[in-house]
C-alpha atoms as a PDB file:
ATOM      1  CA  UNK A   1      98.304   1.951 140.837  1.00  0.00           C
ATOM      2  CA  UNK A   2      99.632   5.421 140.320  1.00  0.00           C
ATOM      3  CA  UNK A   3      96.048   6.629 140.488  1.00  0.00           C
ATOM      4  CA  UNK A   4      95.571   5.088 143.891  1.00  0.00           C
ATOM      5  CA  UNK A   5      98.753   6.574 145.225  1.00  0.00           C
ATOM      6  CA  UNK A   6      97.766   9.974 143.939  1.00  0.00           C
ATOM      7  CA  UNK A   7      94.312   9.701 145.569  1.00  0.00           C
ATOM      8  CA  UNK A   8      95.743   8.797 148.959  1.00  0.00           C
ATOM      9  CA  UNK A   9      98.131  11.703 148.819  1.00  0.00           C
ATOM     10  CA  UNK A  10      95.305  14.002 147.803  1.00  0.00           C
ATOM     11  CA  UNK A  11      93.190  12.834 150.778  1.00  0.00           C
ATOM     12  CA  UNK A  12      96.082  13.359 153.127  1.00  0.00           C
ATOM     13  CA  UNK A  13      96.591  16.845 151.814  1.00  0.00           C
ATOM     14  CA  UNK A  14      92.922  17.829 152.060  1.00  0.00           C
ATOM     15  CA  UNK A  15      92.148  16.263 155.549  1.00  0.00           C
ATOM     16  CA  UNK A  16      93.993  18.906 157.611  1.00  0.00           C
ATOM     17  CA  UNK A  17      92.183  21.579 155.670  1.00  0.00           C
ATOM     18  CA  UNK A  18      88.823  20.011 156.513  1.00  0.00           C
ATOM     19  CA  UNK A  19      89.744  19.635 160.160  1.00  0.00           C
ATOM     20  CA  UNK A  20      90.945  23.205 160.273  1.00  0.00           C
ATOM     21  CA  UNK A  21      87.704  24.387 158.722  1.00  0.00           C
ATOM     22  CA  UNK A  22      85.672  22.435 161.263  1.00  0.00           C
ATOM     23  CA  UNK A  23      87.757  23.829 164.040  1.00  0.00           C
ATOM     24  CA  UNK A  24      87.211  27.318 162.694  1.00  0.00           C
ATOM     25  CA  UNK A  25      83.476  26.622 162.371  1.00  0.00           C
ATOM     26  CA  UNK A  26      83.179  25.399 165.995  1.00  0.00           C
ATOM     27  CA  UNK A  27      85.549  27.897 167.537  1.00  0.00           C
ATOM     28  CA  UNK A  28      83.128  30.888 167.966  1.00  0.00           C
ATOM     29  CA  UNK A  29      80.577  28.748 169.856  1.00  0.00           C
ATOM     30  CA  UNK A  30      83.261  27.277 172.028  1.00  0.00           C
ATOM     31  CA  UNK A  31      84.573  30.706 172.696  1.00  0.00           C
ATOM     32  CA  UNK A  32      81.105  31.953 173.708  1.00  0.00           C
ATOM     33  CA  UNK A  33      80.634  28.924 175.958  1.00  0.00           C
ATOM     34  CA  UNK A  34      83.943  29.484 177.606  1.00  0.00           C
ATOM     35  CA  UNK A  35      83.128  33.162 178.027  1.00  0.00           C
ATOM     36  CA  UNK A  36      79.671  32.342 179.507  1.00  0.00           C
ATOM     37  CA  UNK A  37      81.022  29.895 182.022  1.00  0.00           C
ATOM     38  CA  UNK A  38      83.788  32.291 182.892  1.00  0.00           C
ATOM     39  CA  UNK A  39      81.330  35.130 183.511  1.00  0.00           C
ATOM     40  CA  UNK A  40      79.049  32.847 185.504  1.00  0.00           C
ATOM     41  CA  UNK A  41      81.976  31.756 187.606  1.00  0.00           C
ATOM     42  CA  UNK A  42      82.827  35.403 188.223  1.00  0.00           C
ATOM     43  CA  UNK A  43      79.214  36.103 189.273  1.00  0.00           C
ATOM     44  CA  UNK A  44      79.018  33.037 191.514  1.00  0.00           C
ATOM     45  CA  UNK A  45      82.300  33.790 193.268  1.00  0.00           C
ATOM     46  CA  UNK A  46      81.027  36.899 195.171  1.00  0.00           C
ATOM     47  CA  UNK A  47      77.846  35.049 196.106  1.00  0.00           C
ATOM     48  CA  UNK A  48      79.866  32.183 197.527  1.00  0.00           C
ATOM     49  CA  UNK A  49      81.978  34.641 199.481  1.00  0.00           C
ATOM     50  CA  UNK A  50      78.844  36.365 200.797  1.00  0.00           C
ATOM     51  CA  UNK A  51      77.391  32.999 201.804  1.00  0.00           C
ATOM     52  CA  UNK A  52      80.580  32.149 203.659  1.00  0.00           C
ATOM     53  CA  UNK A  53      80.528  35.523 205.411  1.00  0.00           C
ATOM     54  CA  UNK A  54      76.858  35.097 206.384  1.00  0.00           C
ATOM     55  CA  UNK A  55      77.544  31.621 207.711  1.00  0.00           C
ATOM     56  CA  UNK A  56      80.484  32.941 209.688  1.00  0.00           C
ATOM     57  CA  UNK A  57      78.333  35.773 211.062  1.00  0.00           C
ATOM     58  CA  UNK A  58      75.610  33.328 212.074  1.00  0.00           C
ATOM     59  CA  UNK A  59      78.140  31.075 213.745  1.00  0.00           C
ATOM     60  CA  UNK A  60      79.564  34.047 215.608  1.00  0.00           C
ATOM     61  CA  UNK A  61      76.141  35.511 216.430  1.00  0.00           C
ATOM     62  CA  UNK A  62      74.644  32.311 217.870  1.00  0.00           C
ATOM     63  CA  UNK A  63      76.995  32.139 220.877  1.00  0.00           C
ATOM     64  CA  UNK A  64      76.546  35.864 221.347  1.00  0.00           C
ATOM     65  CA  UNK A  65      72.755  35.520 221.392  1.00  0.00           C
ATOM     66  CA  UNK A  66      72.968  32.649 223.887  1.00  0.00           C
ATOM     67  CA  UNK A  67      75.274  34.686 226.101  1.00  0.00           C
ATOM     68  CA  UNK A  68      72.929  37.661 225.926  1.00  0.00           C
ATOM     69  CA  UNK A  69      69.980  35.432 226.790  1.00  0.00           C
ATOM     70  CA  UNK A  70      71.847  33.964 229.752  1.00  0.00           C
ATOM     71  CA  UNK A  71      72.729  37.451 230.970  1.00  0.00           C
ATOM     72  CA  UNK A  72      69.107  38.574 230.679  1.00  0.00           C
ATOM     73  CA  UNK A  73      67.894  35.498 232.549  1.00  0.00           C
ATOM     74  CA  UNK A  74      70.505  36.056 235.248  1.00  0.00           C
ATOM     75  CA  UNK A  75      69.506  39.707 235.621  1.00  0.00           C
ATOM     76  CA  UNK A  76      65.827  38.734 235.825  1.00  0.00           C
ATOM     77  CA  UNK A  77      66.596  36.088 238.457  1.00  0.00           C
ATOM     78  CA  UNK A  78      68.671  38.554 240.481  1.00  0.00           C
ATOM     79  CA  UNK A  79      65.898  41.136 240.265  1.00  0.00           C
ATOM     80  CA  UNK A  80      63.303  38.583 241.376  1.00  0.00           C
ATOM     81  CA  UNK A  81      65.572  37.500 244.226  1.00  0.00           C
ATOM     82  CA  UNK A  82      65.954  41.108 245.332  1.00  0.00           C
ATOM     83  CA  UNK A  83      62.162  41.524 245.293  1.00  0.00           C
ATOM     84  CA  UNK A  84      61.623  38.358 247.337  1.00  0.00           C
ATOM     85  CA  UNK A  85      64.281  39.467 249.808  1.00  0.00           C
ATOM     86  CA  UNK A  86      62.653  42.872 250.113  1.00  0.00           C
ATOM     87  CA  UNK A  87      59.220  41.306 250.689  1.00  0.00           C
ATOM     88  CA  UNK A  88      60.717  38.926 253.260  1.00  0.00           C
ATOM     89  CA  UNK A  89      62.441  41.709 255.176  1.00  0.00           C
ATOM     90  CA  UNK A  90      59.271  43.798 255.105  1.00  0.00           C
ATOM     91  CA  UNK A  91      57.229  40.854 256.385  1.00  0.00           C
ATOM     92  CA  UNK A  92      59.721  40.275 259.214  1.00  0.00           C
ATOM     93  CA  UNK A  93      59.638  43.961 260.116  1.00  0.00           C
ATOM     94  CA  UNK A  94      55.822  44.019 260.053  1.00  0.00           C
ATOM     95  CA  UNK A  95      55.678  40.893 262.215  1.00  0.00           C
ATOM     96  CA  UNK A  96      58.058  42.364 264.778  1.00  0.00           C
ATOM     97  CA  UNK A  97      56.124  45.618 264.806  1.00  0.00           C
ATOM     98  CA  UNK A  98      52.938  43.615 265.332  1.00  0.00           C
ATOM     99  CA  UNK A  99      54.555  41.749 268.227  1.00  0.00           C
ATOM    100  CA  UNK A 100      55.638  44.983 269.866  1.00  0.00           C
ATOM    101  CA  UNK A 101      52.246  46.561 269.260  1.00  0.00           C
ATOM    102  CA  UNK A 102      50.489  43.501 270.708  1.00  0.00           C
ATOM    103  CA  UNK A 103      52.704  43.581 273.788  1.00  0.00           C
ATOM    104  CA  UNK A 104      51.922  47.256 274.308  1.00  0.00           C
ATOM    105  CA  UNK A 105      48.198  46.637 273.864  1.00  0.00           C
ATOM    106  CA  UNK A 106      48.234  43.724 276.325  1.00  0.00           C
ATOM    107  CA  UNK A 107      50.160  45.780 278.850  1.00  0.00           C
ATOM    108  CA  UNK A 108      47.805  48.703 278.365  1.00  0.00           C
ATOM    109  CA  UNK A 109      44.748  46.458 278.755  1.00  0.00           C
ATOM    110  CA  UNK A 110      46.141  44.975 281.967  1.00  0.00           C
ATOM    111  CA  UNK A 111      46.855  48.419 283.339  1.00  0.00           C
ATOM    112  CA  UNK A 112      43.364  49.635 282.478  1.00  0.00           C
ATOM    113  CA  UNK A 113      41.769  46.526 283.991  1.00  0.00           C
ATOM    114  CA  UNK A 114      43.844  46.904 287.148  1.00  0.00           C
ATOM    115  CA  UNK A 115      43.017  50.592 287.309  1.00  0.00           C
ATOM    116  CA  UNK A 116      39.303  49.894 286.983  1.00  0.00           C
ATOM    117  CA  UNK A 117      39.467  47.100 289.574  1.00  0.00           C
ATOM    118  CA  UNK A 118      41.432  49.252 292.005  1.00  0.00           C
ATOM    119  CA  UNK A 119      38.970  52.103 291.553  1.00  0.00           C
ATOM    120  CA  UNK A 120      36.083  49.776 292.409  1.00  0.00           C
ATOM    121  CA  UNK A 121      37.919  48.559 295.513  1.00  0.00           C
ATOM    122  CA  UNK A 122      38.333  52.143 296.695  1.00  0.00           C
ATOM    123  CA  UNK A 123      34.597  52.322 297.274  1.00  0.00           C
ATOM    124  CA  UNK A 124      34.845  49.233 299.478  1.00  0.00           C
ATOM    125  CA  UNK A 125      37.736  50.773 301.404  1.00  0.00           C
ATOM    126  CA  UNK A 126      35.735  53.977 301.886  1.00  0.00           C
ATOM    127  CA  UNK A 127      32.820  51.989 303.303  1.00  0.00           C
ATOM    128  CA  UNK A 128      35.121  50.193 305.737  1.00  0.00           C
ATOM    129  CA  UNK A 129      36.476  53.534 306.872  1.00  0.00           C
ATOM    130  CA  UNK A 130      32.997  54.900 307.459  1.00  0.00           C
ATOM    131  CA  UNK A 131      32.031  51.767 309.416  1.00  0.00           C
ATOM    132  CA  UNK A 132      35.091  52.077 311.645  1.00  0.00           C
ATOM    133  CA  UNK A 133      34.422  55.759 312.317  1.00  0.00           C
ATOM    134  CA  UNK A 134      31.021  54.935 313.720  1.00  0.00           C
ATOM    135  CA  UNK A 135      32.683  52.935 316.508  1.00  0.00           C
ATOM    136  CA  UNK A 136      33.976  54.767 319.556  1.00  0.00           C
ATOM    137  CA  UNK A 137      37.016  53.750 321.536  1.00  0.00           C
ATOM    138  CA  UNK A 138      35.634  55.269 324.699  1.00  0.00           C
ATOM    139  CA  UNK A 139      34.791  52.774 327.401  1.00  0.00           C
ATOM    140  CA  UNK A 140      31.176  52.860 328.388  1.00  0.00           C
ATOM    141  CA  UNK A 141      28.940  50.818 330.595  1.00  0.00           C
ATOM    142  CA  UNK A 142      25.958  51.531 328.420  1.00  0.00           C
ATOM    143  CA  UNK A 143      25.116  48.089 327.052  1.00  0.00           C
ATOM    144  CA  UNK A 144      22.454  49.467 324.761  1.00  0.00           C
ATOM    145  CA  UNK A 145      24.944  51.820 323.152  1.00  0.00           C
ATOM    146  CA  UNK A 146      27.445  49.010 322.694  1.00  0.00           C
ATOM    147  CA  UNK A 147      24.860  46.795 321.099  1.00  0.00           C
ATOM    148  CA  UNK A 148      23.838  49.650 318.841  1.00  0.00           C
ATOM    149  CA  UNK A 149      27.422  50.148 317.736  1.00  0.00           C
ATOM    150  CA  UNK A 150      27.798  46.422 317.183  1.00  0.00           C
ATOM    151  CA  UNK A 151      24.662  46.325 315.076  1.00  0.00           C
ATOM    152  CA  UNK A 152      25.929  49.271 313.061  1.00  0.00           C
ATOM    153  CA  UNK A 153      29.246  47.494 312.581  1.00  0.00           C
ATOM    154  CA  UNK A 154      27.565  44.323 311.366  1.00  0.00           C
ATOM    155  CA  UNK A 155      25.378  46.296 309.002  1.00  0.00           C
ATOM    156  CA  UNK A 156      28.375  48.239 307.720  1.00  0.00           C
ATOM    157  CA  UNK A 157      30.355  45.059 307.127  1.00  0.00           C
ATOM    158  CA  UNK A 158      27.438  43.525 305.262  1.00  0.00           C
ATOM    159  CA  UNK A 159      27.114  46.605 303.085  1.00  0.00           C
ATOM    160  CA  UNK A 160      30.848  46.536 302.459  1.00  0.00           C
ATOM    161  CA  UNK A 161      30.742  42.875 301.533  1.00  0.00           C
ATOM    162  CA  UNK A 162      27.930  43.465 299.062  1.00  0.00           C
ATOM    163  CA  UNK A 163      29.813  46.362 297.499  1.00  0.00           C
ATOM    164  CA  UNK A 164      32.942  44.258 297.299  1.00  0.00           C
ATOM    165  CA  UNK A 165      31.112  41.351 295.645  1.00  0.00           C
ATOM    166  CA  UNK A 166      29.491  43.720 293.157  1.00  0.00           C
ATOM    167  CA  UNK A 167      32.909  45.144 292.333  1.00  0.00           C
ATOM    168  CA  UNK A 168      34.243  41.647 291.749  1.00  0.00           C
ATOM    169  CA  UNK A 169      31.221  40.767 289.628  1.00  0.00           C
ATOM    170  CA  UNK A 170      31.841  43.727 287.331  1.00  0.00           C
ATOM    171  CA  UNK A 171      35.243  42.196 286.599  1.00  0.00           C
ATOM    172  CA  UNK A 172      33.889  38.703 285.906  1.00  0.00           C
ATOM    173  CA  UNK A 173      34.401  37.320 289.412  1.00  0.00           C
ATOM    174  CA  UNK A 174      31.334  35.656 290.949  1.00  0.00           C
ATOM    175  CA  UNK A 175      30.844  33.429 294.013  1.00  0.00           C
ATOM    176  CA  UNK A 176      30.018  29.741 293.588  1.00  0.00           C
ATOM    177  CA  UNK A 177      26.643  28.821 295.024  1.00  0.00           C
ATOM    178  CA  UNK A 178      27.079  25.901 297.409  1.00  0.00           C
ATOM    179  CA  UNK A 179      24.574  25.736 300.301  1.00  0.00           C
ATOM    180  CA  UNK A 180      21.832  23.234 299.529  1.00  0.00           C
ATOM    181  CA  UNK A 181      23.387  22.309 296.183  1.00  0.00           C
ATOM    182  CA  UNK A 182      24.261  18.783 295.154  1.00  0.00           C
ATOM    183  CA  UNK A 183      27.948  18.161 295.694  1.00  0.00           C
ATOM    184  CA  UNK A 184      29.831  18.727 292.423  1.00  0.00           C
ATOM    185  CA  UNK A 185      33.540  17.837 292.429  1.00  0.00           C
ATOM    186  CA  UNK A 186      34.063  20.266 289.551  1.00  0.00           C
ATOM    187  CA  UNK A 187      33.203  23.277 291.706  1.00  0.00           C
ATOM    188  CA  UNK A 188      33.231  21.932 295.268  1.00  0.00           C
ATOM    189  CA  UNK A 189      35.973  20.525 297.450  1.00  0.00           C
ATOM    190  CA  UNK A 190      34.681  18.373 300.310  1.00  0.00           C
ATOM    191  CA  UNK A 191      36.645  18.922 303.504  1.00  0.00           C
ATOM    192  CA  UNK A 192      34.438  16.795 305.760  1.00  0.00           C
ATOM    193  CA  UNK A 193      31.194  14.786 305.869  1.00  0.00           C
ATOM    194  CA  UNK A 194      28.645  14.804 308.683  1.00  0.00           C
ATOM    195  CA  UNK A 195      25.306  12.994 308.941  1.00  0.00           C
ATOM    196  CA  UNK A 196      22.359  15.410 308.873  1.00  0.00           C
ATOM    197  CA  UNK A 197      19.006  13.694 309.472  1.00  0.00           C
ATOM    198  CA  UNK A 198      16.988  16.603 308.120  1.00  0.00           C
ATOM    199  CA  UNK A 199      19.105  17.097 304.970  1.00  0.00           C
ATOM    200  CA  UNK A 200      19.537  15.123 301.788  1.00  0.00           C
ATOM    201  CA  UNK A 201      22.712  13.037 301.689  1.00  0.00           C
ATOM    202  CA  UNK A 202      25.316  14.250 299.210  1.00  0.00           C
ATOM    203  CA  UNK A 203      24.316  17.908 299.473  1.00  0.00           C
ATOM    204  CA  UNK A 204      26.357  20.833 300.768  1.00  0.00           C
ATOM    205  CA  UNK A 205      25.276  22.149 304.174  1.00  0.00           C
ATOM    206  CA  UNK A 206      28.321  24.246 305.135  1.00  0.00           C
ATOM    207  CA  UNK A 207      30.814  26.493 303.312  1.00  0.00           C
ATOM    208  CA  UNK A 208      34.223  26.623 304.898  1.00  0.00           C
ATOM    209  CA  UNK A 209      35.755  28.815 302.186  1.00  0.00           C
ATOM    210  CA  UNK A 210      33.898  30.588 299.409  1.00  0.00           C
ATOM    211  CA  UNK A 211      34.689  29.533 295.844  1.00  0.00           C
ATOM    212  CA  UNK A 212      34.627  31.830 292.802  1.00  0.00           C
ATOM    213  CA  UNK A 213      34.110  31.794 289.048  1.00  0.00           C
ATOM    214  CA  UNK A 214      36.166  34.039 286.784  1.00  0.00           C
ATOM    215  CA  UNK A 215      34.421  34.708 283.481  1.00  0.00           C
ATOM    216  CA  UNK A 216      32.443  31.492 283.808  1.00  0.00           C
ATOM    217  CA  UNK A 217      35.395  29.290 284.757  1.00  0.00           C
ATOM    218  CA  UNK A 218      36.277  27.984 288.191  1.00  0.00           C
ATOM    219  CA  UNK A 219      38.918  30.225 289.702  1.00  0.00           C
ATOM    220  CA  UNK A 220      38.817  28.506 293.057  1.00  0.00           C
ATOM    221  CA  UNK A 221      36.548  25.652 294.187  1.00  0.00           C
ATOM    222  CA  UNK A 222      34.473  26.138 297.311  1.00  0.00           C
ATOM    223  CA  UNK A 223      35.606  24.190 300.367  1.00  0.00           C
ATOM    224  CA  UNK A 224      32.457  22.675 301.792  1.00  0.00           C
ATOM    225  CA  UNK A 225      30.958  20.278 304.296  1.00  0.00           C
ATOM    226  CA  UNK A 226      28.791  17.545 302.779  1.00  0.00           C
ATOM    227  CA  UNK A 227      25.854  15.645 304.268  1.00  0.00           C
ATOM    228  CA  UNK A 228      26.934  12.093 304.859  1.00  0.00           C
ATOM    229  CA  UNK A 229      24.580   9.323 303.826  1.00  0.00           C
ATOM    230  CA  UNK A 230      23.668   6.296 305.910  1.00  0.00           C
ATOM    231  CA  UNK A 231      26.088   3.389 305.662  1.00  0.00           C
END
């Protein structure tokens, strides 16, 4: 029994020594592990801070980039608007200039046409003057002379009429042929109807007022007498 008591005491005395030895044996490795993790933690700490800073920069830069993009788009839209406005104003100005230019050209054309027409009529007026100068106001009993003057007057008037019609024709004005033509309500205006045994019914036999074309269109219909058919 004493032996057993001694053994248990011996084991109790030696166990702390064994534990201490084990602790001493493990201690360097534990120390290295602790040191490694400590150094790694120190290395990871700046990286984590940098990551946080980068994330913060990105968060701050995203709104800034969107704002910059919006500003650029706004500036581009304003520039485009200014260009459209400039083109619009130029187009309006060109249109108004064209209107004014067209008005001037129309006025000029009318003046030139009137000038040309008036110049042609001067020849007719000159012919009338010459015809009137051939007539004498002196009273005479010479019938032959009077008839001669009358013939000259008729001839002068005919010449004047031909000149006048030629002047009108040069400006697109032409008489409407009526005598002997079939009555056409588009160019003729019947003022009366009379039976004519020797003429075809429905044809024009008399012109009361001459009608005219202007550039191929009826300016004034001819007032005519029409042969009346048998009832």
